[in-house]
Amino acid sequence: MRLFYHPLSSYCWKVLIALYENGAPFEGLVLDNPQAAADLQALWPIARFPLLRDEQRGATVAEASIIIEYLGVHYPTAFTPIPMDVDSALEVRLMDRLFDNYVMTPMQAFVADRIRPDGTQDRHGVGQARTLLGKAYALLEERIAGRTWAAGEAFTLADCAALPALFYADKVVPFRASHPVLAAYLARLEARPSVARVLAEKEPVWAMFPFADGPPV
């Protein structure tokens, strides 16, 4: 398998965590390489990443959550991204959507605003994103209370989504001091070997992140 990715991409982190949990061998193709970028375009004209190409099965798999489910279905291991129990599976999928839509998306508004040309900043949009993040933090603080992982006692797709969302969001609107449940949960995530590996691999390019030196003033 080949994974087209970038080491700072939050959605690529999501897939990398699942791949490291799964243990399936794969080749990582970083998209600062022109050939890798051309191959991605040829396989997936939208040219968004991460993208998984499984030569063994002749499959091109796009979108982070779908890639992770694909691994669970076609390369099953002890890591089960989606539980067999229907209600448990629904909770995992819900938490996955909460992290992607209500943490990751507003976090990205801060990043997009920081890299806009001077004079084109969107203060209103950033304000809306800050408000949504506050609501998401409060919701997650309550929902995760009493759980080891995002959707219960098993590490799942939801936790793969949680790490990049929370890690990056904490850089733009810090929550560790104000939301102890979320803070403890993020600490558990960061200590997990698959996550620690992803965080270590970002270090050579971490300075490229617009808020690497701290949250916005």
C-alpha atoms as a PDB file:
ATOM      1  CA  MET A   1       0.000   0.000   0.000  1.00  0.00           C
ATOM      2  CA  ARG A   2       1.046   3.585  -0.666  1.00  0.00           C
ATOM      3  CA  LEU A   3      -0.111   6.557   1.371  1.00  0.00           C
ATOM      4  CA  PHE A   4       0.082  10.021  -0.151  1.00  0.00           C
ATOM      5  CA  TYR A   5       0.376  12.463   2.737  1.00  0.00           C
ATOM      6  CA  HIS A   6       2.019  15.486   4.323  1.00  0.00           C
ATOM      7  CA  PRO A   7       3.506  15.317   7.851  1.00  0.00           C
ATOM      8  CA  LEU A   8       1.699  18.506   8.985  1.00  0.00           C
ATOM      9  CA  SER A   9      -1.732  17.568   7.646  1.00  0.00           C
ATOM     10  CA  SER A  10      -4.201  16.897  10.447  1.00  0.00           C
ATOM     11  CA  TYR A  11      -6.213  14.452   8.351  1.00  0.00           C
ATOM     12  CA  CYS A  12      -3.022  12.626   7.390  1.00  0.00           C
ATOM     13  CA  TRP A  13      -2.197  12.266  11.091  1.00  0.00           C
ATOM     14  CA  LYS A  14      -5.596  10.661  11.536  1.00  0.00           C
ATOM     15  CA  VAL A  15      -4.774   7.981   8.954  1.00  0.00           C
ATOM     16  CA  LEU A  16      -1.175   7.513  10.089  1.00  0.00           C
ATOM     17  CA  ILE A  17      -2.325   6.777  13.634  1.00  0.00           C
ATOM     18  CA  ALA A  18      -4.660   4.093  12.290  1.00  0.00           C
ATOM     19  CA  LEU A  19      -1.946   2.599  10.090  1.00  0.00           C
ATOM     20  CA  TYR A  20       0.478   2.419  13.009  1.00  0.00           C
ATOM     21  CA  GLU A  21      -2.221   0.864  15.198  1.00  0.00           C
ATOM     22  CA  ASN A  22      -3.042  -1.636  12.453  1.00  0.00           C
ATOM     23  CA  GLY A  23       0.558  -2.524  11.651  1.00  0.00           C
ATOM     24  CA  ALA A  24      -0.046  -3.095   7.926  1.00  0.00           C
ATOM     25  CA  PRO A  25       3.060  -2.303   5.851  1.00  0.00           C
ATOM     26  CA  PHE A  26       2.811   0.767   3.646  1.00  0.00           C
ATOM     27  CA  GLU A  27       4.993   3.229   1.774  1.00  0.00           C
ATOM     28  CA  GLY A  28       4.572   6.851   2.760  1.00  0.00           C
ATOM     29  CA  LEU A  29       4.861   9.316  -0.123  1.00  0.00           C
ATOM     30  CA  VAL A  30       5.317  12.882   1.113  1.00  0.00           C
ATOM     31  CA  LEU A  31       3.679  15.404  -1.170  1.00  0.00           C
ATOM     32  CA  ASP A  32       6.514  17.893  -1.276  1.00  0.00           C
ATOM     33  CA  ASN A  33       7.967  15.484  -3.857  1.00  0.00           C
ATOM     34  CA  PRO A  34       6.889  16.486  -7.405  1.00  0.00           C
ATOM     35  CA  GLN A  35       6.580  12.879  -8.557  1.00  0.00           C
ATOM     36  CA  ALA A  36       4.400  11.966  -5.579  1.00  0.00           C
ATOM     37  CA  ALA A  37       2.211  15.005  -6.302  1.00  0.00           C
ATOM     38  CA  ALA A  38       1.873  13.973  -9.953  1.00  0.00           C
ATOM     39  CA  ASP A  39       0.998  10.405  -8.995  1.00  0.00           C
ATOM     40  CA  LEU A  40      -1.645  11.682  -6.573  1.00  0.00           C
ATOM     41  CA  GLN A  41      -3.193  13.829  -9.312  1.00  0.00           C
ATOM     42  CA  ALA A  42      -3.295  10.860 -11.673  1.00  0.00           C
ATOM     43  CA  LEU A  43      -4.975   8.612  -9.117  1.00  0.00           C
ATOM     44  CA  TRP A  44      -7.374  11.172  -7.656  1.00  0.00           C
ATOM     45  CA  PRO A  45      -8.031  14.227  -9.861  1.00  0.00           C
ATOM     46  CA  ILE A  46      -9.318  16.233  -6.879  1.00  0.00           C
ATOM     47  CA  ALA A  47      -5.731  15.887  -5.599  1.00  0.00           C
ATOM     48  CA  ARG A  48      -6.685  16.078  -1.932  1.00  0.00           C
ATOM     49  CA  PHE A  49      -4.891  13.998   0.651  1.00  0.00           C
ATOM     50  CA  PRO A  50      -4.487  11.639   2.421  1.00  0.00           C
ATOM     51  CA  LEU A  51      -5.010   9.084  -0.313  1.00  0.00           C
ATOM     52  CA  LEU A  52      -4.355   5.354  -0.004  1.00  0.00           C
ATOM     53  CA  ARG A  53      -3.498   3.255  -3.026  1.00  0.00           C
ATOM     54  CA  ASP A  54      -3.747  -0.489  -2.422  1.00  0.00           C
ATOM     55  CA  GLU A  55      -2.078  -2.186  -5.380  1.00  0.00           C
ATOM     56  CA  GLN A  56      -2.858  -5.658  -4.067  1.00  0.00           C
ATOM     57  CA  ARG A  57      -6.592  -5.019  -4.297  1.00  0.00           C
ATOM     58  CA  GLY A  58      -6.480  -2.455  -7.106  1.00  0.00           C
ATOM     59  CA  ALA A  59      -8.196   0.075  -4.855  1.00  0.00           C
ATOM     60  CA  THR A  60      -7.772   3.835  -4.556  1.00  0.00           C
ATOM     61  CA  VAL A  61      -9.236   4.966  -1.244  1.00  0.00           C
ATOM     62  CA  ALA A  62      -9.879   8.624  -0.409  1.00  0.00           C
ATOM     63  CA  GLU A  63     -11.037  10.492   2.711  1.00  0.00           C
ATOM     64  CA  ALA A  64      -9.466   9.813   6.096  1.00  0.00           C
ATOM     65  CA  SER A  65     -12.422   8.141   7.824  1.00  0.00           C
ATOM     66  CA  ILE A  66     -13.044   5.895   4.799  1.00  0.00           C
ATOM     67  CA  ILE A  67      -9.374   4.898   4.617  1.00  0.00           C
ATOM     68  CA  ILE A  68      -9.465   3.882   8.271  1.00  0.00           C
ATOM     69  CA  GLU A  69     -12.650   1.851   7.816  1.00  0.00           C
ATOM     70  CA  TYR A  70     -11.077   0.248   4.727  1.00  0.00           C
ATOM     71  CA  LEU A  71      -8.117  -0.919   6.810  1.00  0.00           C
ATOM     72  CA  GLY A  72     -10.435  -2.437   9.383  1.00  0.00           C
ATOM     73  CA  VAL A  73     -12.438  -4.310   6.756  1.00  0.00           C
ATOM     74  CA  HIS A  74      -9.676  -5.543   4.444  1.00  0.00           C
ATOM     75  CA  TYR A  75      -6.685  -5.748   6.801  1.00  0.00           C
ATOM     76  CA  PRO A  76      -8.240  -6.657  10.162  1.00  0.00           C
ATOM     77  CA  THR A  77      -6.032  -6.816  13.236  1.00  0.00           C
ATOM     78  CA  ALA A  78      -6.563  -6.333  16.959  1.00  0.00           C
ATOM     79  CA  PHE A  79      -7.189  -2.663  16.191  1.00  0.00           C
ATOM     80  CA  THR A  80     -10.906  -2.405  15.382  1.00  0.00           C
ATOM     81  CA  PRO A  81     -11.707   1.112  14.166  1.00  0.00           C
ATOM     82  CA  ILE A  82     -15.473   0.478  14.049  1.00  0.00           C
ATOM     83  CA  PRO A  83     -17.023  -1.838  16.665  1.00  0.00           C
ATOM     84  CA  MET A  84     -19.261  -4.695  15.565  1.00  0.00           C
ATOM     85  CA  ASP A  85     -22.007  -3.629  17.968  1.00  0.00           C
ATOM     86  CA  VAL A  86     -24.348  -1.298  16.081  1.00  0.00           C
ATOM     87  CA  ASP A  87     -24.933   1.227  18.867  1.00  0.00           C
ATOM     88  CA  SER A  88     -21.230   1.342  19.720  1.00  0.00           C
ATOM     89  CA  ALA A  89     -20.429   1.868  16.035  1.00  0.00           C
ATOM     90  CA  LEU A  90     -22.851   4.782  15.864  1.00  0.00           C
ATOM     91  CA  GLU A  91     -21.176   6.417  18.882  1.00  0.00           C
ATOM     92  CA  VAL A  92     -17.743   6.021  17.259  1.00  0.00           C
ATOM     93  CA  ARG A  93     -18.965   7.566  14.020  1.00  0.00           C
ATOM     94  CA  LEU A  94     -20.640  10.408  15.898  1.00  0.00           C
ATOM     95  CA  MET A  95     -17.479  11.229  17.828  1.00  0.00           C
ATOM     96  CA  ASP A  96     -15.480  11.085  14.598  1.00  0.00           C
ATOM     97  CA  ARG A  97     -17.826  13.684  13.090  1.00  0.00           C
ATOM     98  CA  LEU A  98     -17.741  15.864  16.215  1.00  0.00           C
ATOM     99  CA  PHE A  99     -13.960  16.061  16.125  1.00  0.00           C
ATOM    100  CA  ASP A 100     -13.744  16.655  12.376  1.00  0.00           C
ATOM    101  CA  ASN A 101     -16.612  19.115  11.985  1.00  0.00           C
ATOM    102  CA  TYR A 102     -16.628  21.048  15.253  1.00  0.00           C
ATOM    103  CA  VAL A 103     -12.971  20.997  16.330  1.00  0.00           C
ATOM    104  CA  MET A 104     -10.843  20.453  13.224  1.00  0.00           C
ATOM    105  CA  THR A 105     -12.861  22.720  10.923  1.00  0.00           C
ATOM    106  CA  PRO A 106     -12.959  25.807  13.169  1.00  0.00           C
ATOM    107  CA  MET A 107      -9.285  25.286  14.048  1.00  0.00           C
ATOM    108  CA  GLN A 108      -8.461  25.458  10.360  1.00  0.00           C
ATOM    109  CA  ALA A 109     -10.209  28.831  10.130  1.00  0.00           C
ATOM    110  CA  PHE A 110      -7.498  30.277  12.392  1.00  0.00           C
ATOM    111  CA  VAL A 111      -4.741  28.796  10.237  1.00  0.00           C
ATOM    112  CA  ALA A 112      -6.314  29.999   6.989  1.00  0.00           C
ATOM    113  CA  ASP A 113      -6.696  33.486   8.426  1.00  0.00           C
ATOM    114  CA  ARG A 114      -3.089  33.628   9.611  1.00  0.00           C
ATOM    115  CA  ILE A 115      -1.744  32.876   6.127  1.00  0.00           C
ATOM    116  CA  ARG A 116      -4.048  35.256   4.248  1.00  0.00           C
ATOM    117  CA  PRO A 117      -2.374  38.224   2.518  1.00  0.00           C
ATOM    118  CA  ASP A 118      -2.140  41.341   4.673  1.00  0.00           C
ATOM    119  CA  GLY A 119      -5.365  43.285   4.706  1.00  0.00           C
ATOM    120  CA  THR A 120      -7.601  40.321   3.861  1.00  0.00           C
ATOM    121  CA  GLN A 121      -7.999  38.810   7.334  1.00  0.00           C
ATOM    122  CA  ASP A 122     -11.471  37.616   8.310  1.00  0.00           C
ATOM    123  CA  ARG A 123     -11.955  38.716  11.928  1.00  0.00           C
ATOM    124  CA  HIS A 124     -15.649  37.829  11.838  1.00  0.00           C
ATOM    125  CA  GLY A 125     -14.978  34.310  10.571  1.00  0.00           C
ATOM    126  CA  VAL A 126     -12.281  33.750  13.191  1.00  0.00           C
ATOM    127  CA  GLY A 127     -14.642  34.987  15.891  1.00  0.00           C
ATOM    128  CA  GLN A 128     -17.273  32.499  14.760  1.00  0.00           C
ATOM    129  CA  ALA A 129     -14.667  29.737  14.783  1.00  0.00           C
ATOM    130  CA  ARG A 130     -13.605  30.642  18.324  1.00  0.00           C
ATOM    131  CA  THR A 131     -17.232  30.478  19.494  1.00  0.00           C
ATOM    132  CA  LEU A 132     -17.765  27.083  17.856  1.00  0.00           C
ATOM    133  CA  LEU A 133     -14.596  25.711  19.420  1.00  0.00           C
ATOM    134  CA  GLY A 134     -15.796  26.833  22.848  1.00  0.00           C
ATOM    135  CA  LYS A 135     -19.089  25.012  22.341  1.00  0.00           C
ATOM    136  CA  ALA A 136     -17.282  21.903  21.093  1.00  0.00           C
ATOM    137  CA  TYR A 137     -14.905  21.868  24.071  1.00  0.00           C
ATOM    138  CA  ALA A 138     -17.845  22.047  26.485  1.00  0.00           C
ATOM    139  CA  LEU A 139     -19.733  19.277  24.677  1.00  0.00           C
ATOM    140  CA  LEU A 140     -16.716  16.972  24.527  1.00  0.00           C
ATOM    141  CA  GLU A 141     -15.750  17.677  28.147  1.00  0.00           C
ATOM    142  CA  GLU A 142     -19.126  16.321  29.200  1.00  0.00           C
ATOM    143  CA  ARG A 143     -19.373  13.475  26.692  1.00  0.00           C
ATOM    144  CA  ILE A 144     -15.909  12.004  27.315  1.00  0.00           C
ATOM    145  CA  ALA A 145     -16.159  12.183  31.126  1.00  0.00           C
ATOM    146  CA  GLY A 146     -15.847   8.689  32.580  1.00  0.00           C
ATOM    147  CA  ARG A 147     -14.425   7.200  29.375  1.00  0.00           C
ATOM    148  CA  THR A 148     -10.866   6.086  28.738  1.00  0.00           C
ATOM    149  CA  TRP A 149     -11.109   6.783  25.013  1.00  0.00           C
ATOM    150  CA  ALA A 150     -13.390   8.967  22.934  1.00  0.00           C
ATOM    151  CA  ALA A 151     -16.246   6.486  22.522  1.00  0.00           C
ATOM    152  CA  GLY A 152     -15.644   4.157  25.459  1.00  0.00           C
ATOM    153  CA  GLU A 153     -12.950   1.756  26.597  1.00  0.00           C
ATOM    154  CA  ALA A 154     -11.623   0.783  23.143  1.00  0.00           C
ATOM    155  CA  PHE A 155      -9.297   2.858  20.958  1.00  0.00           C
ATOM    156  CA  THR A 156     -11.174   3.445  17.682  1.00  0.00           C
ATOM    157  CA  LEU A 157     -11.606   5.635  14.626  1.00  0.00           C
ATOM    158  CA  ALA A 158     -12.892   8.347  16.972  1.00  0.00           C
ATOM    159  CA  ASP A 159      -9.527   8.557  18.736  1.00  0.00           C
ATOM    160  CA  CYS A 160      -7.655   8.729  15.436  1.00  0.00           C
ATOM    161  CA  ALA A 161      -9.803  11.787  14.667  1.00  0.00           C
ATOM    162  CA  ALA A 162      -9.467  13.240  18.153  1.00  0.00           C
ATOM    163  CA  LEU A 163      -5.706  13.557  18.348  1.00  0.00           C
ATOM    164  CA  PRO A 164      -5.054  15.905  15.414  1.00  0.00           C
ATOM    165  CA  ALA A 165      -8.199  17.909  16.099  1.00  0.00           C
ATOM    166  CA  LEU A 166      -7.457  18.487  19.774  1.00  0.00           C
ATOM    167  CA  PHE A 167      -3.689  18.837  19.411  1.00  0.00           C
ATOM    168  CA  TYR A 168      -3.985  21.556  16.789  1.00  0.00           C
ATOM    169  CA  ALA A 169      -6.999  23.260  18.374  1.00  0.00           C
ATOM    170  CA  ASP A 170      -5.104  23.594  21.650  1.00  0.00           C
ATOM    171  CA  LYS A 171      -2.473  25.590  19.763  1.00  0.00           C
ATOM    172  CA  VAL A 172      -5.001  28.220  18.628  1.00  0.00           C
ATOM    173  CA  VAL A 173      -7.546  28.235  21.481  1.00  0.00           C
ATOM    174  CA  PRO A 174      -5.887  26.493  24.464  1.00  0.00           C
ATOM    175  CA  PHE A 175      -8.160  24.348  26.628  1.00  0.00           C
ATOM    176  CA  ARG A 176      -5.930  22.311  28.948  1.00  0.00           C
ATOM    177  CA  ALA A 177      -6.301  24.682  31.894  1.00  0.00           C
ATOM    178  CA  SER A 178     -10.051  25.130  31.538  1.00  0.00           C
ATOM    179  CA  HIS A 179     -11.222  21.639  30.520  1.00  0.00           C
ATOM    180  CA  PRO A 180      -9.575  19.004  32.732  1.00  0.00           C
ATOM    181  CA  VAL A 181     -11.359  16.008  31.164  1.00  0.00           C
ATOM    182  CA  LEU A 182     -10.242  16.973  27.672  1.00  0.00           C
ATOM    183  CA  ALA A 183      -6.752  17.781  28.944  1.00  0.00           C
ATOM    184  CA  ALA A 184      -6.378  14.353  30.563  1.00  0.00           C
ATOM    185  CA  TYR A 185      -7.764  12.645  27.475  1.00  0.00           C
ATOM    186  CA  LEU A 186      -5.321  14.469  25.182  1.00  0.00           C
ATOM    187  CA  ALA A 187      -2.473  13.468  27.502  1.00  0.00           C
ATOM    188  CA  ARG A 188      -3.528   9.814  27.206  1.00  0.00           C
ATOM    189  CA  LEU A 189      -3.586  10.158  23.440  1.00  0.00           C
ATOM    190  CA  GLU A 190      -0.152  11.761  23.304  1.00  0.00           C
ATOM    191  CA  ALA A 191       1.297   8.908  25.384  1.00  0.00           C
ATOM    192  CA  ARG A 192       0.017   6.194  23.040  1.00  0.00           C
ATOM    193  CA  PRO A 193       2.878   4.807  20.869  1.00  0.00           C
ATOM    194  CA  SER A 194       1.107   5.295  17.526  1.00  0.00           C
ATOM    195  CA  VAL A 195       0.374   8.925  18.385  1.00  0.00           C
ATOM    196  CA  ALA A 196       3.818   9.607  19.823  1.00  0.00           C
ATOM    197  CA  ARG A 197       5.299   8.343  16.558  1.00  0.00           C
ATOM    198  CA  VAL A 198       3.170  10.726  14.474  1.00  0.00           C
ATOM    199  CA  LEU A 199       4.030  13.662  16.715  1.00  0.00           C
ATOM    200  CA  ALA A 200       7.735  12.856  16.502  1.00  0.00           C
ATOM    201  CA  GLU A 201       7.601  12.624  12.713  1.00  0.00           C
ATOM    202  CA  LYS A 202       6.179  16.140  12.423  1.00  0.00           C
ATOM    203  CA  GLU A 203       9.154  17.748  14.175  1.00  0.00           C
ATOM    204  CA  PRO A 204      11.360  18.420  11.118  1.00  0.00           C
ATOM    205  CA  VAL A 205       8.608  20.576   9.572  1.00  0.00           C
ATOM    206  CA  TRP A 206       6.779  21.790  12.686  1.00  0.00           C
ATOM    207  CA  ALA A 207       8.113  25.334  12.331  1.00  0.00           C
ATOM    208  CA  MET A 208       5.983  25.658   9.178  1.00  0.00           C
ATOM    209  CA  PHE A 209       2.805  25.600  11.277  1.00  0.00           C
ATOM    210  CA  PRO A 210       1.637  29.214  11.663  1.00  0.00           C
ATOM    211  CA  PHE A 211       1.023  28.856  15.412  1.00  0.00           C
ATOM    212  CA  ALA A 212       4.074  26.734  16.243  1.00  0.00           C
ATOM    213  CA  ASP A 213       5.270  29.470  18.623  1.00  0.00           C
ATOM    214  CA  GLY A 214       1.970  29.847  20.454  1.00  0.00           C
ATOM    215  CA  PRO A 215      -1.701  30.803  20.133  1.00  0.00           C
ATOM    216  CA  PRO A 216      -2.877  34.020  18.472  1.00  0.00           C
ATOM    217  CA  VAL A 217      -2.880  37.109  20.637  1.00  0.00           C
END
